[in-house]
């Protein structure tokens, strides 16, 4: 199997930051799975770097809550807890209800067209059963709605939350039964925004997020 964990060099960033970003994205995308041990030597070999930037990256990931240190075992990818999931999705639900309300009022024809295209792109990725691309297309769909709010502070908060959501999106998309549901939910959200039906839009986004809670709960084993 091809190793997806690769360092992309950037002349403007120190190596430790590049390694940190690489490992962070690998965790968020599920390439490094919850509970997986992070062995410094193995990671250094895979990324073609020394152990020092690996060690520094692991410390930063621990501060972000994406990595935990286990006595006598070392570092491992933090497992998804039920409380973490519920906390993040509760906040997301409230913010996205506000986002669709504002989008119903302010979205342009060009943004509606972009939203429709992103919906079709998501459907195509789902058809190909590509979890990573599907997750990225799902992010794009929601980002267009966020931008349509014209509320910079709301967009900033939602963008900060987006990366925390990425882990849950990937886990949910691993459940093949969720795919048809997600496609239908995107259609409902799009239709309600196009019709400027605020109550229907809020109801649709709430159902969309609630189903994600249920879906993730089915596919993962929580760390109690």
C-alpha atoms as a PDB file:
ATOM      1  CA  UNK A   1       0.000   0.000   0.000  1.00  0.00           C
ATOM      2  CA  UNK A   2       1.306   3.460  -0.892  1.00  0.00           C
ATOM      3  CA  UNK A   3       2.386   5.516   2.107  1.00  0.00           C
ATOM      4  CA  UNK A   4       0.395   8.783   1.964  1.00  0.00           C
ATOM      5  CA  UNK A   5       2.472  10.391   4.708  1.00  0.00           C
ATOM      6  CA  UNK A   6       4.828  12.718   2.844  1.00  0.00           C
ATOM      7  CA  UNK A   7       6.510  16.012   3.638  1.00  0.00           C
ATOM      8  CA  UNK A   8       5.860  18.836   1.180  1.00  0.00           C
ATOM      9  CA  UNK A   9       8.735  21.283   1.506  1.00  0.00           C
ATOM     10  CA  UNK A  10       7.944  24.977   1.822  1.00  0.00           C
ATOM     11  CA  UNK A  11      10.784  27.491   1.644  1.00  0.00           C
ATOM     12  CA  UNK A  12       8.866  29.875   3.933  1.00  0.00           C
ATOM     13  CA  UNK A  13       8.361  27.428   6.818  1.00  0.00           C
ATOM     14  CA  UNK A  14      10.869  25.822   9.206  1.00  0.00           C
ATOM     15  CA  UNK A  15      11.110  22.021   8.907  1.00  0.00           C
ATOM     16  CA  UNK A  16       9.546  21.528  12.362  1.00  0.00           C
ATOM     17  CA  UNK A  17       6.421  23.396  11.234  1.00  0.00           C
ATOM     18  CA  UNK A  18       6.227  21.402   7.998  1.00  0.00           C
ATOM     19  CA  UNK A  19       6.458  18.130   9.942  1.00  0.00           C
ATOM     20  CA  UNK A  20       3.851  19.354  12.435  1.00  0.00           C
ATOM     21  CA  UNK A  21       1.426  20.323   9.649  1.00  0.00           C
ATOM     22  CA  UNK A  22       1.999  17.000   7.868  1.00  0.00           C
ATOM     23  CA  UNK A  23       1.257  14.931  10.985  1.00  0.00           C
ATOM     24  CA  UNK A  24      -1.673  17.147  11.949  1.00  0.00           C
ATOM     25  CA  UNK A  25      -3.340  16.731   8.563  1.00  0.00           C
ATOM     26  CA  UNK A  26      -2.674  12.980   8.629  1.00  0.00           C
ATOM     27  CA  UNK A  27      -4.530  12.750  11.955  1.00  0.00           C
ATOM     28  CA  UNK A  28      -7.403  14.985  10.841  1.00  0.00           C
ATOM     29  CA  UNK A  29      -7.840  12.992   7.621  1.00  0.00           C
ATOM     30  CA  UNK A  30      -7.644   9.640   9.385  1.00  0.00           C
ATOM     31  CA  UNK A  31      -4.378   8.561   7.726  1.00  0.00           C
ATOM     32  CA  UNK A  32      -3.057   8.221  11.283  1.00  0.00           C
ATOM     33  CA  UNK A  33      -5.939   6.563  13.097  1.00  0.00           C
ATOM     34  CA  UNK A  34      -7.238   7.089  16.661  1.00  0.00           C
ATOM     35  CA  UNK A  35      -5.185   4.948  19.035  1.00  0.00           C
ATOM     36  CA  UNK A  36      -2.302   4.497  16.575  1.00  0.00           C
ATOM     37  CA  UNK A  37       1.114   4.681  18.243  1.00  0.00           C
ATOM     38  CA  UNK A  38       3.471   7.406  17.032  1.00  0.00           C
ATOM     39  CA  UNK A  39       6.979   5.937  16.960  1.00  0.00           C
ATOM     40  CA  UNK A  40       9.587   8.653  16.454  1.00  0.00           C
ATOM     41  CA  UNK A  41      12.044   6.478  14.520  1.00  0.00           C
ATOM     42  CA  UNK A  42       9.403   5.062  12.179  1.00  0.00           C
ATOM     43  CA  UNK A  43       7.875   8.506  11.511  1.00  0.00           C
ATOM     44  CA  UNK A  44      11.322  10.001  10.897  1.00  0.00           C
ATOM     45  CA  UNK A  45      12.062   7.251   8.349  1.00  0.00           C
ATOM     46  CA  UNK A  46       8.677   7.668   6.620  1.00  0.00           C
ATOM     47  CA  UNK A  47       9.076  11.441   6.336  1.00  0.00           C
ATOM     48  CA  UNK A  48      12.792  11.427   5.621  1.00  0.00           C
ATOM     49  CA  UNK A  49      13.681  13.728   8.523  1.00  0.00           C
ATOM     50  CA  UNK A  50      15.526  13.462  11.821  1.00  0.00           C
ATOM     51  CA  UNK A  51      13.786  12.585  15.086  1.00  0.00           C
ATOM     52  CA  UNK A  52      14.059  16.153  16.459  1.00  0.00           C
ATOM     53  CA  UNK A  53      11.274  17.774  14.364  1.00  0.00           C
ATOM     54  CA  UNK A  54       9.140  14.644  14.929  1.00  0.00           C
ATOM     55  CA  UNK A  55       9.533  15.007  18.694  1.00  0.00           C
ATOM     56  CA  UNK A  56       8.718  18.741  18.545  1.00  0.00           C
ATOM     57  CA  UNK A  57       5.645  18.076  16.375  1.00  0.00           C
ATOM     58  CA  UNK A  58       4.344  15.423  18.767  1.00  0.00           C
ATOM     59  CA  UNK A  59       4.640  17.876  21.689  1.00  0.00           C
ATOM     60  CA  UNK A  60       2.611  20.497  19.778  1.00  0.00           C
ATOM     61  CA  UNK A  61       0.008  17.911  18.750  1.00  0.00           C
ATOM     62  CA  UNK A  62      -0.315  16.927  22.409  1.00  0.00           C
ATOM     63  CA  UNK A  63      -1.051  20.558  23.295  1.00  0.00           C
ATOM     64  CA  UNK A  64      -3.789  20.586  20.622  1.00  0.00           C
ATOM     65  CA  UNK A  65      -5.331  17.445  22.071  1.00  0.00           C
ATOM     66  CA  UNK A  66      -4.698  15.402  18.928  1.00  0.00           C
ATOM     67  CA  UNK A  67      -2.023  13.274  20.611  1.00  0.00           C
ATOM     68  CA  UNK A  68      -1.870  11.795  24.118  1.00  0.00           C
ATOM     69  CA  UNK A  69       1.104  10.435  26.042  1.00  0.00           C
ATOM     70  CA  UNK A  70       0.475   6.985  27.518  1.00  0.00           C
ATOM     71  CA  UNK A  71       2.687   5.876  30.462  1.00  0.00           C
ATOM     72  CA  UNK A  72       5.172   3.142  29.421  1.00  0.00           C
ATOM     73  CA  UNK A  73       3.860   3.250  25.832  1.00  0.00           C
ATOM     74  CA  UNK A  74       4.610   6.719  24.521  1.00  0.00           C
ATOM     75  CA  UNK A  75       2.621   8.904  22.130  1.00  0.00           C
ATOM     76  CA  UNK A  76      -0.511   7.822  20.324  1.00  0.00           C
ATOM     77  CA  UNK A  77      -3.209   9.531  18.276  1.00  0.00           C
ATOM     78  CA  UNK A  78      -5.958  10.702  20.632  1.00  0.00           C
ATOM     79  CA  UNK A  79      -9.098   8.635  20.445  1.00  0.00           C
ATOM     80  CA  UNK A  80     -12.402  10.334  19.724  1.00  0.00           C
ATOM     81  CA  UNK A  81     -14.407  10.655  22.913  1.00  0.00           C
ATOM     82  CA  UNK A  82     -18.173  10.863  23.093  1.00  0.00           C
ATOM     83  CA  UNK A  83     -17.954  14.174  24.964  1.00  0.00           C
ATOM     84  CA  UNK A  84     -15.609  15.693  22.338  1.00  0.00           C
ATOM     85  CA  UNK A  85     -17.965  14.654  19.561  1.00  0.00           C
ATOM     86  CA  UNK A  86     -21.057  16.037  21.298  1.00  0.00           C
ATOM     87  CA  UNK A  87     -19.327  19.281  22.313  1.00  0.00           C
ATOM     88  CA  UNK A  88     -18.092  20.032  18.796  1.00  0.00           C
ATOM     89  CA  UNK A  89     -21.342  19.104  17.074  1.00  0.00           C
ATOM     90  CA  UNK A  90     -23.493  21.099  19.515  1.00  0.00           C
ATOM     91  CA  UNK A  91     -21.483  24.211  18.708  1.00  0.00           C
ATOM     92  CA  UNK A  92     -21.506  23.420  14.999  1.00  0.00           C
ATOM     93  CA  UNK A  93     -25.277  22.949  14.981  1.00  0.00           C
ATOM     94  CA  UNK A  94     -25.961  26.377  16.510  1.00  0.00           C
ATOM     95  CA  UNK A  95     -23.484  28.159  14.258  1.00  0.00           C
ATOM     96  CA  UNK A  96     -24.615  26.458  11.061  1.00  0.00           C
ATOM     97  CA  UNK A  97     -28.272  27.185  11.814  1.00  0.00           C
ATOM     98  CA  UNK A  98     -27.288  30.855  11.967  1.00  0.00           C
ATOM     99  CA  UNK A  99     -25.205  30.446   8.788  1.00  0.00           C
ATOM    100  CA  UNK A 100     -28.051  29.007   6.706  1.00  0.00           C
ATOM    101  CA  UNK A 101     -30.405  31.682   8.031  1.00  0.00           C
ATOM    102  CA  UNK A 102     -28.056  34.430   6.844  1.00  0.00           C
ATOM    103  CA  UNK A 103     -27.314  32.584   3.595  1.00  0.00           C
ATOM    104  CA  UNK A 104     -31.020  32.421   2.753  1.00  0.00           C
ATOM    105  CA  UNK A 105     -31.067  36.204   2.909  1.00  0.00           C
ATOM    106  CA  UNK A 106     -27.736  37.064   1.292  1.00  0.00           C
ATOM    107  CA  UNK A 107     -26.635  34.305  -1.101  1.00  0.00           C
ATOM    108  CA  UNK A 108     -26.018  35.399  -4.704  1.00  0.00           C
ATOM    109  CA  UNK A 109     -26.919  33.576  -7.924  1.00  0.00           C
ATOM    110  CA  UNK A 110     -23.220  32.855  -8.475  1.00  0.00           C
ATOM    111  CA  UNK A 111     -22.899  31.337  -5.014  1.00  0.00           C
ATOM    112  CA  UNK A 112     -26.029  29.252  -5.533  1.00  0.00           C
ATOM    113  CA  UNK A 113     -24.527  27.910  -8.738  1.00  0.00           C
ATOM    114  CA  UNK A 114     -21.263  27.134  -6.903  1.00  0.00           C
ATOM    115  CA  UNK A 115     -23.261  25.406  -4.160  1.00  0.00           C
ATOM    116  CA  UNK A 116     -25.096  23.288  -6.727  1.00  0.00           C
ATOM    117  CA  UNK A 117     -21.794  22.354  -8.411  1.00  0.00           C
ATOM    118  CA  UNK A 118     -20.194  21.409  -5.077  1.00  0.00           C
ATOM    119  CA  UNK A 119     -23.218  19.235  -4.354  1.00  0.00           C
ATOM    120  CA  UNK A 120     -22.710  17.437  -7.679  1.00  0.00           C
ATOM    121  CA  UNK A 121     -18.965  17.086  -7.008  1.00  0.00           C
ATOM    122  CA  UNK A 122     -19.721  15.537  -3.626  1.00  0.00           C
ATOM    123  CA  UNK A 123     -22.150  13.093  -5.225  1.00  0.00           C
ATOM    124  CA  UNK A 124     -19.487  12.078  -7.785  1.00  0.00           C
ATOM    125  CA  UNK A 125     -16.868  11.514  -5.052  1.00  0.00           C
ATOM    126  CA  UNK A 126     -19.368   9.428  -3.087  1.00  0.00           C
ATOM    127  CA  UNK A 127     -20.015   7.344  -6.218  1.00  0.00           C
ATOM    128  CA  UNK A 128     -16.263   6.696  -6.485  1.00  0.00           C
ATOM    129  CA  UNK A 129     -16.190   5.710  -2.779  1.00  0.00           C
ATOM    130  CA  UNK A 130     -13.245   8.061  -2.174  1.00  0.00           C
ATOM    131  CA  UNK A 131     -13.547   9.002   1.503  1.00  0.00           C
ATOM    132  CA  UNK A 132     -10.854  11.721   1.501  1.00  0.00           C
ATOM    133  CA  UNK A 133     -12.186  13.497  -1.612  1.00  0.00           C
ATOM    134  CA  UNK A 134     -15.777  13.131  -0.352  1.00  0.00           C
ATOM    135  CA  UNK A 135     -14.806  14.794   2.941  1.00  0.00           C
ATOM    136  CA  UNK A 136     -13.108  17.653   1.072  1.00  0.00           C
ATOM    137  CA  UNK A 137     -16.144  18.177  -1.185  1.00  0.00           C
ATOM    138  CA  UNK A 138     -18.407  18.176   1.871  1.00  0.00           C
ATOM    139  CA  UNK A 139     -16.207  20.883   3.402  1.00  0.00           C
ATOM    140  CA  UNK A 140     -16.486  22.912   0.171  1.00  0.00           C
ATOM    141  CA  UNK A 141     -20.299  22.669   0.218  1.00  0.00           C
ATOM    142  CA  UNK A 142     -20.477  24.069   3.746  1.00  0.00           C
ATOM    143  CA  UNK A 143     -17.775  26.694   3.088  1.00  0.00           C
ATOM    144  CA  UNK A 144     -19.847  28.218   0.273  1.00  0.00           C
ATOM    145  CA  UNK A 145     -22.757  28.603   2.703  1.00  0.00           C
ATOM    146  CA  UNK A 146     -20.438  30.191   5.274  1.00  0.00           C
ATOM    147  CA  UNK A 147     -19.084  32.710   2.744  1.00  0.00           C
ATOM    148  CA  UNK A 148     -22.644  33.609   1.720  1.00  0.00           C
ATOM    149  CA  UNK A 149     -23.358  34.888   5.257  1.00  0.00           C
ATOM    150  CA  UNK A 150     -21.115  37.959   4.653  1.00  0.00           C
ATOM    151  CA  UNK A 151     -20.313  37.760   8.390  1.00  0.00           C
ATOM    152  CA  UNK A 152     -16.541  37.689   8.744  1.00  0.00           C
ATOM    153  CA  UNK A 153     -16.568  36.861  12.464  1.00  0.00           C
ATOM    154  CA  UNK A 154     -18.932  33.921  11.969  1.00  0.00           C
ATOM    155  CA  UNK A 155     -16.824  32.653   9.050  1.00  0.00           C
ATOM    156  CA  UNK A 156     -13.680  32.847  11.193  1.00  0.00           C
ATOM    157  CA  UNK A 157     -15.232  30.858  14.041  1.00  0.00           C
ATOM    158  CA  UNK A 158     -16.636  28.240  11.652  1.00  0.00           C
ATOM    159  CA  UNK A 159     -13.254  27.902   9.931  1.00  0.00           C
ATOM    160  CA  UNK A 160     -11.588  27.287  13.290  1.00  0.00           C
ATOM    161  CA  UNK A 161     -14.159  24.616  14.034  1.00  0.00           C
ATOM    162  CA  UNK A 162     -13.858  23.071  10.569  1.00  0.00           C
ATOM    163  CA  UNK A 163     -10.587  21.272  11.215  1.00  0.00           C
ATOM    164  CA  UNK A 164     -11.868  19.762  14.439  1.00  0.00           C
ATOM    165  CA  UNK A 165     -14.854  18.528  12.420  1.00  0.00           C
ATOM    166  CA  UNK A 166     -12.686  16.901   9.763  1.00  0.00           C
ATOM    167  CA  UNK A 167     -11.936  13.812  11.865  1.00  0.00           C
ATOM    168  CA  UNK A 168     -15.642  13.215  12.434  1.00  0.00           C
ATOM    169  CA  UNK A 169     -16.477  13.735   8.754  1.00  0.00           C
ATOM    170  CA  UNK A 170     -13.958  11.085   7.711  1.00  0.00           C
ATOM    171  CA  UNK A 171     -15.221   8.593  10.289  1.00  0.00           C
ATOM    172  CA  UNK A 172     -18.832   9.179   9.205  1.00  0.00           C
ATOM    173  CA  UNK A 173     -17.979   8.733   5.527  1.00  0.00           C
ATOM    174  CA  UNK A 174     -16.421   5.342   6.246  1.00  0.00           C
ATOM    175  CA  UNK A 175     -19.994   4.129   6.807  1.00  0.00           C
ATOM    176  CA  UNK A 176     -21.262   3.356   3.291  1.00  0.00           C
ATOM    177  CA  UNK A 177     -24.864   3.462   4.513  1.00  0.00           C
ATOM    178  CA  UNK A 178     -24.474   7.185   5.233  1.00  0.00           C
ATOM    179  CA  UNK A 179     -23.674   8.113   1.634  1.00  0.00           C
ATOM    180  CA  UNK A 180     -27.183   8.210   0.168  1.00  0.00           C
ATOM    181  CA  UNK A 181     -28.417  10.027   3.283  1.00  0.00           C
ATOM    182  CA  UNK A 182     -25.739  12.711   2.911  1.00  0.00           C
ATOM    183  CA  UNK A 183     -26.516  13.264  -0.771  1.00  0.00           C
ATOM    184  CA  UNK A 184     -30.210  13.736   0.038  1.00  0.00           C
ATOM    185  CA  UNK A 185     -29.437  16.062   2.961  1.00  0.00           C
ATOM    186  CA  UNK A 186     -27.249  18.277   0.764  1.00  0.00           C
ATOM    187  CA  UNK A 187     -30.104  18.467  -1.740  1.00  0.00           C
ATOM    188  CA  UNK A 188     -32.567  19.484   0.991  1.00  0.00           C
ATOM    189  CA  UNK A 189     -30.226  22.171   2.302  1.00  0.00           C
ATOM    190  CA  UNK A 190     -29.608  23.514  -1.206  1.00  0.00           C
ATOM    191  CA  UNK A 191     -33.322  23.541  -2.086  1.00  0.00           C
ATOM    192  CA  UNK A 192     -34.296  25.386   1.100  1.00  0.00           C
ATOM    193  CA  UNK A 193     -31.589  28.045   0.623  1.00  0.00           C
ATOM    194  CA  UNK A 194     -32.539  28.489  -3.037  1.00  0.00           C
ATOM    195  CA  UNK A 195     -36.174  29.023  -1.970  1.00  0.00           C
ATOM    196  CA  UNK A 196     -35.043  31.268   0.921  1.00  0.00           C
ATOM    197  CA  UNK A 197     -37.019  29.044   3.290  1.00  0.00           C
ATOM    198  CA  UNK A 198     -35.246  29.836   6.561  1.00  0.00           C
ATOM    199  CA  UNK A 199     -37.136  27.407   8.794  1.00  0.00           C
ATOM    200  CA  UNK A 200     -36.687  24.519   6.363  1.00  0.00           C
ATOM    201  CA  UNK A 201     -32.988  25.345   5.969  1.00  0.00           C
ATOM    202  CA  UNK A 202     -32.441  25.352   9.738  1.00  0.00           C
ATOM    203  CA  UNK A 203     -34.407  22.128  10.123  1.00  0.00           C
ATOM    204  CA  UNK A 204     -32.375  20.488   7.320  1.00  0.00           C
ATOM    205  CA  UNK A 205     -28.984  21.501   8.724  1.00  0.00           C
ATOM    206  CA  UNK A 206     -29.988  20.360  12.210  1.00  0.00           C
ATOM    207  CA  UNK A 207     -31.005  16.938  10.869  1.00  0.00           C
ATOM    208  CA  UNK A 208     -27.787  16.782   8.826  1.00  0.00           C
ATOM    209  CA  UNK A 209     -25.627  17.307  11.919  1.00  0.00           C
ATOM    210  CA  UNK A 210     -27.704  15.060  14.194  1.00  0.00           C
ATOM    211  CA  UNK A 211     -27.341  12.202  11.710  1.00  0.00           C
ATOM    212  CA  UNK A 212     -23.595  12.731  11.786  1.00  0.00           C
ATOM    213  CA  UNK A 213     -23.558  12.271  15.571  1.00  0.00           C
ATOM    214  CA  UNK A 214     -25.492   9.024  15.196  1.00  0.00           C
ATOM    215  CA  UNK A 215     -23.323   7.876  12.281  1.00  0.00           C
ATOM    216  CA  UNK A 216     -19.984   8.536  13.982  1.00  0.00           C
ATOM    217  CA  UNK A 217     -21.254   6.794  17.101  1.00  0.00           C
ATOM    218  CA  UNK A 218     -21.870   3.691  14.990  1.00  0.00           C
ATOM    219  CA  UNK A 219     -18.472   3.619  13.317  1.00  0.00           C
ATOM    220  CA  UNK A 220     -16.068   4.316  16.176  1.00  0.00           C
ATOM    221  CA  UNK A 221     -15.306   2.879  19.570  1.00  0.00           C
ATOM    222  CA  UNK A 222     -15.167   5.697  22.092  1.00  0.00           C
ATOM    223  CA  UNK A 223     -12.393   6.141  24.594  1.00  0.00           C
ATOM    224  CA  UNK A 224     -14.254   6.276  27.909  1.00  0.00           C
END
